[in-house]
Amino acid sequence: MSKENFFVNKFLFFQEKNQNDYFYNALVYIFEHNENGALGVVMNKIIPISEEKIFKSLNIKTLNEKKNILNGGPVDINKLFVIHNSNADKESLNVENGLNLTSSIEVLKNIGKGNFNGKYKLALGYCGWDAGQLDYEISKNSWLVLDNNPLIVFDFSPSDLIKEISGQVGYDIDKIQNSEIITKH
């Protein structure tokens, strides 16, 4: 039996260049990947909604700066997620040496009140794959797998992540194209 190659705590960059595809130029961080499927969040695309509006809609008073919300993916687009680096929340999906993910209202309240000890980003929606689906897409070169420090998402704006990761790996990841498409004769 071959050992499974799961991509938890990795970034995936979509290599297909169809501008009409939802994942065009998407950088996804993988929180969970196992024999049952995978879950990730798009880290480099935003929705023009401020955190202030989100907190107001949840009746949480906040003094936070007006950051935009990440467009996390096409699944559960009305569900709010917190991507964070704090290990204090027991309800979070914690990735060893990586990021954490939760939808806990208590975490949101702590963020709003300024009582959250850690860095965070908010996202609406997530990316989901059924069993074997992500593995198949990666085998067809639809995704470039990147092993970068995940904390980079807190240090740069979403629009600068591709450039920063490209600098770290030594090539422009957005210039790579799916070889399945290129090599067809």
N, C-alpha and C. Protein backbone atom coordinates (compact mmCIF):
# COMPACT_ATOMS: atom_id res chain seq x y z
N MET A 1 0.85 -1.19 0.00
CA MET A 1 0.00 0.00 0.00
C MET A 1 0.89 1.24 0.00
N SER A 2 0.64 2.15 -0.90
CA SER A 2 1.47 3.36 -0.99
C SER A 2 1.07 4.36 0.09
N LYS A 3 2.06 5.12 0.52
CA LYS A 3 1.82 6.14 1.55
C LYS A 3 1.07 7.31 0.91
N GLU A 4 0.03 7.77 1.59
CA GLU A 4 -0.75 8.91 1.08
C GLU A 4 0.06 10.19 1.18
N ASN A 5 -0.10 11.06 0.21
CA ASN A 5 0.60 12.35 0.21
C ASN A 5 -0.44 13.44 0.39
N PHE A 6 -0.62 13.85 1.63
CA PHE A 6 -1.60 14.87 1.93
C PHE A 6 -0.92 16.23 2.01
N PHE A 7 -1.67 17.29 1.73
CA PHE A 7 -1.10 18.63 1.57
C PHE A 7 -1.51 19.61 2.66
N VAL A 8 -1.72 19.11 3.87
CA VAL A 8 -2.02 19.98 5.01
C VAL A 8 -0.83 20.90 5.25
N ASN A 9 -1.13 22.16 5.58
CA ASN A 9 -0.11 23.17 5.88
C ASN A 9 0.73 23.54 4.65
N LYS A 10 0.13 23.41 3.49
CA LYS A 10 0.77 23.82 2.23
C LYS A 10 -0.12 24.86 1.56
N PHE A 11 0.50 25.66 0.71
CA PHE A 11 -0.24 26.55 -0.16
C PHE A 11 -0.38 25.85 -1.51
N LEU A 12 -1.51 26.07 -2.15
CA LEU A 12 -1.71 25.60 -3.51
C LEU A 12 -2.00 26.82 -4.37
N PHE A 13 -1.32 26.90 -5.52
CA PHE A 13 -1.58 27.98 -6.46
C PHE A 13 -2.17 27.38 -7.71
N PHE A 14 -3.32 27.90 -8.14
CA PHE A 14 -4.03 27.37 -9.30
C PHE A 14 -3.28 27.74 -10.57
N GLN A 15 -2.89 26.73 -11.36
CA GLN A 15 -2.05 26.95 -12.53
C GLN A 15 -2.80 27.12 -13.84
N GLU A 16 -4.08 26.84 -13.87
CA GLU A 16 -4.80 26.98 -15.13
C GLU A 16 -5.11 28.44 -15.36
N LYS A 17 -5.06 28.87 -16.59
CA LYS A 17 -5.13 30.29 -16.91
C LYS A 17 -6.45 30.74 -17.52
N ASN A 18 -7.52 30.03 -17.25
CA ASN A 18 -8.84 30.43 -17.70
C ASN A 18 -9.37 31.49 -16.73
N GLN A 19 -9.45 32.74 -17.19
CA GLN A 19 -9.85 33.84 -16.32
C GLN A 19 -11.28 33.72 -15.81
N ASN A 20 -12.08 32.86 -16.43
CA ASN A 20 -13.47 32.66 -15.98
C ASN A 20 -13.58 31.62 -14.88
N ASP A 21 -12.49 30.92 -14.60
CA ASP A 21 -12.50 29.90 -13.55
C ASP A 21 -12.47 30.58 -12.19
N TYR A 22 -13.25 30.10 -11.26
CA TYR A 22 -13.30 30.68 -9.91
C TYR A 22 -11.90 30.76 -9.29
N PHE A 23 -11.09 29.75 -9.54
CA PHE A 23 -9.78 29.66 -8.90
C PHE A 23 -8.65 30.35 -9.67
N TYR A 24 -8.97 31.07 -10.72
CA TYR A 24 -7.94 31.77 -11.50
C TYR A 24 -7.06 32.60 -10.56
N ASN A 25 -5.76 32.35 -10.59
CA ASN A 25 -4.76 33.04 -9.76
C ASN A 25 -5.03 32.93 -8.26
N ALA A 26 -5.70 31.88 -7.83
CA ALA A 26 -6.01 31.71 -6.40
C ALA A 26 -4.86 31.02 -5.68
N LEU A 27 -4.57 31.53 -4.49
CA LEU A 27 -3.61 30.93 -3.58
C LEU A 27 -4.41 30.39 -2.39
N VAL A 28 -4.43 29.08 -2.24
CA VAL A 28 -5.25 28.42 -1.23
C VAL A 28 -4.34 27.80 -0.17
N TYR A 29 -4.67 28.03 1.10
CA TYR A 29 -3.98 27.35 2.19
C TYR A 29 -4.82 26.15 2.59
N ILE A 30 -4.18 24.99 2.73
CA ILE A 30 -4.88 23.75 3.05
C ILE A 30 -4.85 23.50 4.56
N PHE A 31 -6.04 23.50 5.17
CA PHE A 31 -6.19 23.26 6.60
C PHE A 31 -6.38 21.78 6.91
N GLU A 32 -7.01 21.08 5.99
CA GLU A 32 -7.30 19.67 6.23
C GLU A 32 -7.27 18.93 4.89
N HIS A 33 -6.62 17.76 4.89
CA HIS A 33 -6.56 16.92 3.70
C HIS A 33 -6.31 15.50 4.17
N ASN A 34 -7.25 14.63 3.87
CA ASN A 34 -7.12 13.23 4.25
C ASN A 34 -7.89 12.38 3.25
N GLU A 35 -8.08 11.10 3.59
CA GLU A 35 -8.76 10.19 2.66
C GLU A 35 -10.22 10.57 2.40
N ASN A 36 -10.78 11.45 3.23
CA ASN A 36 -12.18 11.87 3.06
C ASN A 36 -12.34 13.13 2.22
N GLY A 37 -11.26 13.83 1.95
CA GLY A 37 -11.32 15.06 1.15
C GLY A 37 -10.40 16.12 1.70
N ALA A 38 -10.65 17.37 1.31
CA ALA A 38 -9.77 18.47 1.71
C ALA A 38 -10.57 19.74 1.95
N LEU A 39 -9.99 20.61 2.78
CA LEU A 39 -10.59 21.90 3.10
C LEU A 39 -9.48 22.95 3.10
N GLY A 40 -9.74 24.06 2.41
CA GLY A 40 -8.77 25.15 2.37
C GLY A 40 -9.48 26.48 2.27
N VAL A 41 -8.70 27.55 2.34
CA VAL A 41 -9.23 28.91 2.23
C VAL A 41 -8.36 29.70 1.26
N VAL A 42 -9.00 30.43 0.34
CA VAL A 42 -8.27 31.31 -0.58
C VAL A 42 -7.72 32.48 0.24
N MET A 43 -6.43 32.74 0.10
CA MET A 43 -5.76 33.76 0.93
C MET A 43 -5.44 35.05 0.19
N ASN A 44 -5.60 35.09 -1.11
CA ASN A 44 -5.15 36.27 -1.85
C ASN A 44 -6.27 37.03 -2.57
N LYS A 45 -7.50 36.72 -2.26
CA LYS A 45 -8.62 37.45 -2.88
C LYS A 45 -9.51 38.01 -1.79
N ILE A 46 -10.00 39.22 -2.01
CA ILE A 46 -10.82 39.87 -1.00
C ILE A 46 -12.22 40.16 -1.51
N ILE A 47 -13.10 40.38 -0.57
CA ILE A 47 -14.45 40.85 -0.83
C ILE A 47 -14.47 42.29 -0.30
N PRO A 48 -15.00 43.22 -1.06
CA PRO A 48 -14.97 44.62 -0.60
C PRO A 48 -15.98 44.92 0.52
N ILE A 49 -15.85 44.16 1.59
CA ILE A 49 -16.66 44.36 2.80
C ILE A 49 -15.67 44.54 3.94
N SER A 50 -15.86 45.56 4.75
CA SER A 50 -14.93 45.79 5.84
C SER A 50 -15.29 44.96 7.06
N GLU A 51 -14.28 44.71 7.89
CA GLU A 51 -14.53 44.01 9.15
C GLU A 51 -15.55 44.75 9.98
N GLU A 52 -15.48 46.07 9.94
CA GLU A 52 -16.40 46.90 10.70
C GLU A 52 -17.85 46.52 10.40
N LYS A 53 -18.16 46.32 9.11
CA LYS A 53 -19.52 45.95 8.70
C LYS A 53 -19.90 44.57 9.23
N ILE A 54 -18.94 43.66 9.18
CA ILE A 54 -19.19 42.30 9.68
C ILE A 54 -19.49 42.34 11.17
N PHE A 55 -18.65 43.03 11.92
CA PHE A 55 -18.86 43.11 13.37
C PHE A 55 -20.19 43.79 13.69
N LYS A 56 -20.52 44.83 12.94
CA LYS A 56 -21.78 45.53 13.17
C LYS A 56 -22.97 44.60 12.92
N SER A 57 -22.88 43.78 11.86
CA SER A 57 -23.97 42.85 11.55
C SER A 57 -24.13 41.78 12.63
N LEU A 58 -23.06 41.52 13.38
CA LEU A 58 -23.10 40.54 14.46
C LEU A 58 -23.36 41.19 15.82
N ASN A 59 -23.65 42.49 15.79
CA ASN A 59 -23.86 43.27 17.02
C ASN A 59 -22.67 43.21 17.97
N ILE A 60 -21.47 43.26 17.38
CA ILE A 60 -20.24 43.29 18.17
C ILE A 60 -19.59 44.65 17.96
N LYS A 61 -19.47 45.41 19.04
CA LYS A 61 -18.83 46.72 18.94
C LYS A 61 -17.33 46.50 18.82
N THR A 62 -16.70 47.27 17.92
CA THR A 62 -15.28 47.08 17.69
C THR A 62 -14.59 48.40 17.41
N LEU A 63 -13.32 48.42 17.71
CA LEU A 63 -12.46 49.56 17.39
C LEU A 63 -11.42 49.15 16.36
N ASN A 64 -11.58 47.95 15.77
CA ASN A 64 -10.60 47.42 14.82
C ASN A 64 -10.48 48.27 13.58
N GLU A 65 -9.30 48.18 12.98
CA GLU A 65 -9.08 48.87 11.72
C GLU A 65 -9.99 48.27 10.65
N LYS A 66 -10.11 48.97 9.56
CA LYS A 66 -11.08 48.57 8.52
C LYS A 66 -10.44 47.67 7.47
N LYS A 67 -10.06 46.45 7.85
CA LYS A 67 -9.50 45.48 6.91
C LYS A 67 -10.63 44.87 6.10
N ASN A 68 -10.30 44.45 4.88
CA ASN A 68 -11.27 43.75 4.06
C ASN A 68 -11.31 42.27 4.42
N ILE A 69 -12.38 41.63 4.04
CA ILE A 69 -12.62 40.21 4.30
C ILE A 69 -12.08 39.39 3.13
N LEU A 70 -11.49 38.24 3.42
CA LEU A 70 -11.03 37.34 2.36
C LEU A 70 -12.23 36.65 1.71
N ASN A 71 -12.13 36.44 0.40
CA ASN A 71 -13.08 35.62 -0.33
C ASN A 71 -12.55 34.20 -0.23
N GLY A 72 -12.93 33.50 0.83
CA GLY A 72 -12.33 32.22 1.19
C GLY A 72 -12.60 31.07 0.25
N GLY A 73 -13.67 31.12 -0.50
CA GLY A 73 -13.97 30.03 -1.42
C GLY A 73 -15.44 29.95 -1.74
N PRO A 74 -15.78 29.05 -2.66
CA PRO A 74 -17.15 28.97 -3.17
C PRO A 74 -18.12 28.15 -2.31
N VAL A 75 -17.64 27.56 -1.21
CA VAL A 75 -18.50 26.74 -0.35
C VAL A 75 -18.88 27.55 0.89
N ASP A 76 -20.14 27.47 1.29
CA ASP A 76 -20.64 28.19 2.47
C ASP A 76 -20.25 29.67 2.43
N ILE A 77 -20.61 30.34 1.35
CA ILE A 77 -20.17 31.72 1.15
C ILE A 77 -20.76 32.71 2.15
N ASN A 78 -21.74 32.29 2.91
CA ASN A 78 -22.32 33.16 3.94
C ASN A 78 -21.79 32.84 5.33
N LYS A 79 -20.85 31.91 5.42
CA LYS A 79 -20.29 31.53 6.72
C LYS A 79 -18.96 32.25 6.93
N LEU A 80 -18.81 32.85 8.10
CA LEU A 80 -17.61 33.61 8.44
C LEU A 80 -16.61 32.72 9.17
N PHE A 81 -15.37 32.77 8.71
CA PHE A 81 -14.29 32.00 9.32
C PHE A 81 -13.21 32.94 9.81
N VAL A 82 -12.53 32.53 10.87
CA VAL A 82 -11.37 33.25 11.40
C VAL A 82 -10.15 32.38 11.17
N ILE A 83 -9.19 32.92 10.43
CA ILE A 83 -7.89 32.27 10.24
C ILE A 83 -6.99 32.95 11.26
N HIS A 84 -6.33 32.18 12.11
CA HIS A 84 -5.53 32.80 13.17
C HIS A 84 -4.32 31.96 13.54
N ASN A 85 -3.47 32.55 14.38
CA ASN A 85 -2.26 31.86 14.83
C ASN A 85 -2.26 31.61 16.33
N SER A 86 -3.39 31.76 17.00
CA SER A 86 -3.47 31.57 18.44
C SER A 86 -3.89 30.14 18.76
N ASN A 87 -3.25 29.54 19.73
CA ASN A 87 -3.61 28.18 20.13
C ASN A 87 -4.59 28.17 21.30
N ALA A 88 -5.12 29.33 21.64
CA ALA A 88 -5.99 29.45 22.81
C ALA A 88 -7.41 28.92 22.55
N ASP A 89 -7.85 28.88 21.30
CA ASP A 89 -9.22 28.48 21.01
C ASP A 89 -9.32 26.97 20.81
N LYS A 90 -10.07 26.32 21.68
CA LYS A 90 -10.21 24.86 21.62
C LYS A 90 -11.13 24.41 20.49
N GLU A 91 -11.95 25.30 19.96
CA GLU A 91 -12.87 24.95 18.88
C GLU A 91 -12.22 25.02 17.50
N SER A 92 -11.01 25.52 17.43
CA SER A 92 -10.36 25.71 16.14
C SER A 92 -9.84 24.41 15.55
N LEU A 93 -9.80 24.38 14.25
CA LEU A 93 -9.08 23.34 13.52
C LEU A 93 -7.63 23.81 13.53
N ASN A 94 -6.80 23.15 14.33
CA ASN A 94 -5.41 23.57 14.51
C ASN A 94 -4.49 22.75 13.63
N VAL A 95 -3.70 23.42 12.81
CA VAL A 95 -2.73 22.76 11.95
C VAL A 95 -1.37 22.87 12.65
N GLU A 96 -0.75 21.72 12.88
CA GLU A 96 0.55 21.72 13.55
C GLU A 96 1.56 22.54 12.73
N ASN A 97 2.24 23.47 13.39
CA ASN A 97 3.20 24.39 12.77
C ASN A 97 2.57 25.21 11.65
N GLY A 98 1.27 25.45 11.74
CA GLY A 98 0.58 26.19 10.68
C GLY A 98 -0.46 27.14 11.23
N LEU A 99 -1.48 27.35 10.45
CA LEU A 99 -2.56 28.26 10.80
C LEU A 99 -3.71 27.50 11.46
N ASN A 100 -4.63 28.25 12.04
CA ASN A 100 -5.81 27.67 12.68
C ASN A 100 -7.05 28.28 12.04
N LEU A 101 -8.15 27.53 12.11
CA LEU A 101 -9.40 27.96 11.49
C LEU A 101 -10.56 27.69 12.45
N THR A 102 -11.41 28.71 12.60
CA THR A 102 -12.60 28.55 13.44
C THR A 102 -13.72 29.43 12.91
N SER A 103 -14.93 29.11 13.35
CA SER A 103 -16.08 29.97 13.08
C SER A 103 -16.74 30.34 14.41
N SER A 104 -16.00 30.22 15.49
CA SER A 104 -16.49 30.47 16.84
C SER A 104 -16.90 31.94 17.04
N ILE A 105 -18.12 32.15 17.50
CA ILE A 105 -18.59 33.50 17.79
C ILE A 105 -17.82 34.10 18.95
N GLU A 106 -17.35 33.27 19.87
CA GLU A 106 -16.56 33.76 21.00
C GLU A 106 -15.24 34.36 20.53
N VAL A 107 -14.61 33.72 19.56
CA VAL A 107 -13.37 34.25 19.00
C VAL A 107 -13.65 35.59 18.32
N LEU A 108 -14.74 35.65 17.57
CA LEU A 108 -15.11 36.91 16.91
C LEU A 108 -15.36 38.02 17.93
N LYS A 109 -16.04 37.69 19.02
CA LYS A 109 -16.30 38.69 20.06
C LYS A 109 -14.98 39.17 20.67
N ASN A 110 -14.06 38.25 20.93
CA ASN A 110 -12.77 38.63 21.49
C ASN A 110 -11.98 39.51 20.53
N ILE A 111 -12.06 39.22 19.23
CA ILE A 111 -11.39 40.05 18.24
C ILE A 111 -12.00 41.45 18.26
N GLY A 112 -13.32 41.51 18.22
CA GLY A 112 -14.02 42.79 18.22
C GLY A 112 -13.70 43.64 19.42
N LYS A 113 -13.59 43.02 20.59
CA LYS A 113 -13.30 43.75 21.83
C LYS A 113 -11.82 44.06 22.00
N GLY A 114 -10.99 43.54 21.10
CA GLY A 114 -9.55 43.76 21.24
C GLY A 114 -8.91 42.82 22.24
N ASN A 115 -9.59 41.73 22.60
CA ASN A 115 -9.07 40.78 23.59
C ASN A 115 -8.48 39.52 22.96
N PHE A 116 -8.24 39.54 21.68
CA PHE A 116 -7.71 38.36 21.00
C PHE A 116 -6.19 38.46 20.96
N ASN A 117 -5.53 37.45 21.50
CA ASN A 117 -4.06 37.45 21.53
C ASN A 117 -3.52 36.67 20.34
N GLY A 118 -3.38 37.32 19.26
CA GLY A 118 -2.85 36.68 18.07
C GLY A 118 -3.19 37.47 16.83
N LYS A 119 -2.66 36.99 15.71
CA LYS A 119 -2.96 37.61 14.42
C LYS A 119 -4.12 36.84 13.81
N TYR A 120 -4.88 37.53 12.96
CA TYR A 120 -6.04 36.88 12.36
C TYR A 120 -6.39 37.53 11.02
N LYS A 121 -7.18 36.82 10.25
CA LYS A 121 -7.84 37.31 9.04
C LYS A 121 -9.24 36.71 9.06
N LEU A 122 -10.20 37.45 8.52
CA LEU A 122 -11.56 36.93 8.40
C LEU A 122 -11.82 36.54 6.95
N ALA A 123 -12.59 35.48 6.77
CA ALA A 123 -12.92 35.00 5.42
C ALA A 123 -14.37 34.56 5.36
N LEU A 124 -15.00 34.83 4.24
CA LEU A 124 -16.33 34.30 3.95
C LEU A 124 -16.17 33.14 2.99
N GLY A 125 -16.66 31.97 3.38
CA GLY A 125 -16.59 30.79 2.52
C GLY A 125 -15.27 30.04 2.65
N TYR A 126 -15.25 28.86 2.03
CA TYR A 126 -14.04 28.04 2.01
C TYR A 126 -14.03 27.20 0.75
N CYS A 127 -12.95 26.46 0.54
CA CYS A 127 -12.81 25.56 -0.59
C CYS A 127 -12.90 24.13 -0.07
N GLY A 128 -13.65 23.31 -0.74
CA GLY A 128 -13.80 21.93 -0.32
C GLY A 128 -13.65 20.97 -1.49
N TRP A 129 -13.04 19.83 -1.23
CA TRP A 129 -12.85 18.79 -2.23
C TRP A 129 -13.32 17.46 -1.65
N ASP A 130 -13.99 16.67 -2.46
CA ASP A 130 -14.40 15.33 -2.06
C ASP A 130 -13.19 14.40 -2.00
N ALA A 131 -13.39 13.22 -1.49
CA ALA A 131 -12.32 12.22 -1.39
C ALA A 131 -11.64 12.02 -2.75
N GLY A 132 -10.34 12.18 -2.78
CA GLY A 132 -9.56 11.95 -3.99
C GLY A 132 -9.59 13.07 -5.02
N GLN A 133 -10.50 14.03 -4.89
CA GLN A 133 -10.64 15.08 -5.89
C GLN A 133 -9.42 15.99 -5.97
N LEU A 134 -8.93 16.47 -4.84
CA LEU A 134 -7.76 17.33 -4.86
C LEU A 134 -6.53 16.57 -5.34
N ASP A 135 -6.39 15.33 -4.92
CA ASP A 135 -5.27 14.50 -5.35
C ASP A 135 -5.26 14.37 -6.88
N TYR A 136 -6.44 14.16 -7.44
CA TYR A 136 -6.56 14.04 -8.90
C TYR A 136 -6.18 15.36 -9.58
N GLU A 137 -6.70 16.48 -9.07
CA GLU A 137 -6.39 17.79 -9.66
C GLU A 137 -4.89 18.09 -9.60
N ILE A 138 -4.26 17.72 -8.50
CA ILE A 138 -2.81 17.95 -8.38
C ILE A 138 -2.06 17.04 -9.35
N SER A 139 -2.52 15.79 -9.52
CA SER A 139 -1.86 14.87 -10.46
C SER A 139 -1.97 15.36 -11.90
N LYS A 140 -2.98 16.18 -12.18
CA LYS A 140 -3.16 16.75 -13.52
C LYS A 140 -2.52 18.14 -13.63
N ASN A 141 -1.72 18.51 -12.65
CA ASN A 141 -0.99 19.79 -12.62
C ASN A 141 -1.88 21.02 -12.60
N SER A 142 -3.07 20.89 -12.06
CA SER A 142 -3.94 22.06 -11.92
C SER A 142 -3.47 22.96 -10.78
N TRP A 143 -2.75 22.38 -9.81
CA TRP A 143 -2.29 23.13 -8.65
C TRP A 143 -0.78 22.98 -8.48
N LEU A 144 -0.12 24.07 -8.19
CA LEU A 144 1.28 24.08 -7.82
C LEU A 144 1.33 24.01 -6.29
N VAL A 145 2.03 23.04 -5.73
CA VAL A 145 2.11 22.86 -4.28
C VAL A 145 3.33 23.61 -3.76
N LEU A 146 3.09 24.48 -2.76
CA LEU A 146 4.15 25.33 -2.21
C LEU A 146 4.28 25.11 -0.71
N ASP A 147 5.50 25.02 -0.26
CA ASP A 147 5.78 24.78 1.16
C ASP A 147 6.42 26.03 1.75
N ASN A 148 5.62 27.08 1.96
CA ASN A 148 6.09 28.34 2.51
C ASN A 148 5.59 28.50 3.94
N ASN A 149 6.23 29.37 4.68
CA ASN A 149 5.79 29.66 6.04
C ASN A 149 4.39 30.25 5.97
N PRO A 150 3.40 29.61 6.58
CA PRO A 150 2.02 30.09 6.47
C PRO A 150 1.78 31.44 7.14
N LEU A 151 2.63 31.83 8.07
CA LEU A 151 2.44 33.11 8.76
C LEU A 151 2.60 34.30 7.82
N ILE A 152 3.08 34.05 6.62
CA ILE A 152 3.21 35.11 5.62
C ILE A 152 1.87 35.80 5.36
N VAL A 153 0.76 35.08 5.56
CA VAL A 153 -0.56 35.66 5.29
C VAL A 153 -0.87 36.83 6.22
N PHE A 154 -0.22 36.89 7.36
CA PHE A 154 -0.44 37.99 8.30
C PHE A 154 0.50 39.16 8.06
N ASP A 155 1.60 38.92 7.34
CA ASP A 155 2.62 39.94 7.15
C ASP A 155 2.42 40.79 5.89
N PHE A 156 1.59 40.31 4.97
CA PHE A 156 1.40 41.02 3.70
C PHE A 156 -0.09 41.11 3.35
N SER A 157 -0.42 42.09 2.57
CA SER A 157 -1.81 42.21 2.12
C SER A 157 -2.10 41.05 1.15
N PRO A 158 -3.36 40.64 1.06
CA PRO A 158 -3.70 39.53 0.16
C PRO A 158 -3.20 39.76 -1.28
N SER A 159 -3.28 40.99 -1.76
CA SER A 159 -2.86 41.27 -3.14
C SER A 159 -1.35 41.15 -3.35
N ASP A 160 -0.56 41.13 -2.28
CA ASP A 160 0.90 41.02 -2.39
C ASP A 160 1.43 39.61 -2.13
N LEU A 161 0.57 38.67 -1.76
CA LEU A 161 1.04 37.34 -1.39
C LEU A 161 1.72 36.60 -2.54
N ILE A 162 1.16 36.68 -3.75
CA ILE A 162 1.76 35.98 -4.90
C ILE A 162 3.18 36.50 -5.14
N LYS A 163 3.35 37.79 -5.12
CA LYS A 163 4.68 38.40 -5.33
C LYS A 163 5.65 37.96 -4.24
N GLU A 164 5.22 37.99 -2.99
CA GLU A 164 6.09 37.62 -1.87
C GLU A 164 6.48 36.15 -1.90
N ILE A 165 5.52 35.28 -2.16
CA ILE A 165 5.83 33.85 -2.23
C ILE A 165 6.72 33.58 -3.44
N SER A 166 6.48 34.24 -4.55
CA SER A 166 7.33 34.09 -5.73
C SER A 166 8.77 34.45 -5.39
N GLY A 167 8.96 35.53 -4.64
CA GLY A 167 10.29 35.93 -4.22
C GLY A 167 10.95 34.88 -3.34
N GLN A 168 10.18 34.25 -2.49
CA GLN A 168 10.73 33.23 -1.59
C GLN A 168 11.13 31.95 -2.34
N VAL A 169 10.33 31.55 -3.34
CA VAL A 169 10.65 30.32 -4.05
C VAL A 169 11.62 30.54 -5.21
N GLY A 170 11.80 31.80 -5.63
CA GLY A 170 12.78 32.11 -6.66
C GLY A 170 12.25 32.12 -8.09
N TYR A 171 10.95 32.07 -8.27
CA TYR A 171 10.36 32.17 -9.60
C TYR A 171 8.94 32.71 -9.46
N ASP A 172 8.42 33.26 -10.56
CA ASP A 172 7.07 33.82 -10.55
C ASP A 172 6.05 32.69 -10.64
N ILE A 173 5.40 32.39 -9.52
CA ILE A 173 4.46 31.27 -9.52
C ILE A 173 3.27 31.53 -10.42
N ASP A 174 2.95 32.80 -10.66
CA ASP A 174 1.81 33.10 -11.53
C ASP A 174 2.15 33.01 -13.01
N LYS A 175 3.41 32.70 -13.33
CA LYS A 175 3.81 32.52 -14.73
C LYS A 175 3.85 31.04 -15.12
N ILE A 176 3.72 30.15 -14.14
CA ILE A 176 3.69 28.72 -14.39
C ILE A 176 2.32 28.36 -14.94
N GLN A 177 2.30 27.52 -15.97
CA GLN A 177 1.02 27.10 -16.54
C GLN A 177 0.91 25.60 -16.48
N ASN A 178 -0.30 25.11 -16.37
CA ASN A 178 -0.59 23.69 -16.32
C ASN A 178 0.05 22.98 -17.51
N SER A 179 0.97 22.05 -17.22
CA SER A 179 1.67 21.34 -18.30
C SER A 179 0.76 20.37 -19.03
N GLU A 180 -0.34 19.95 -18.44
CA GLU A 180 -1.33 19.12 -19.13
C GLU A 180 -1.82 19.83 -20.38
N ILE A 181 -2.04 21.14 -20.23
CA ILE A 181 -2.54 21.94 -21.34
C ILE A 181 -1.44 22.14 -22.38
N ILE A 182 -0.25 22.47 -21.92
CA ILE A 182 0.87 22.80 -22.81
C ILE A 182 1.32 21.61 -23.63
N THR A 183 1.37 20.42 -23.02
CA THR A 183 1.96 19.26 -23.69
C THR A 183 0.99 18.46 -24.56
N LYS A 184 -0.28 18.84 -24.61
CA LYS A 184 -1.21 18.10 -25.46
C LYS A 184 -0.87 18.35 -26.92
N HIS A 185 -0.88 17.28 -27.71
CA HIS A 185 -0.57 17.39 -29.14
C HIS A 185 -1.75 16.94 -29.97
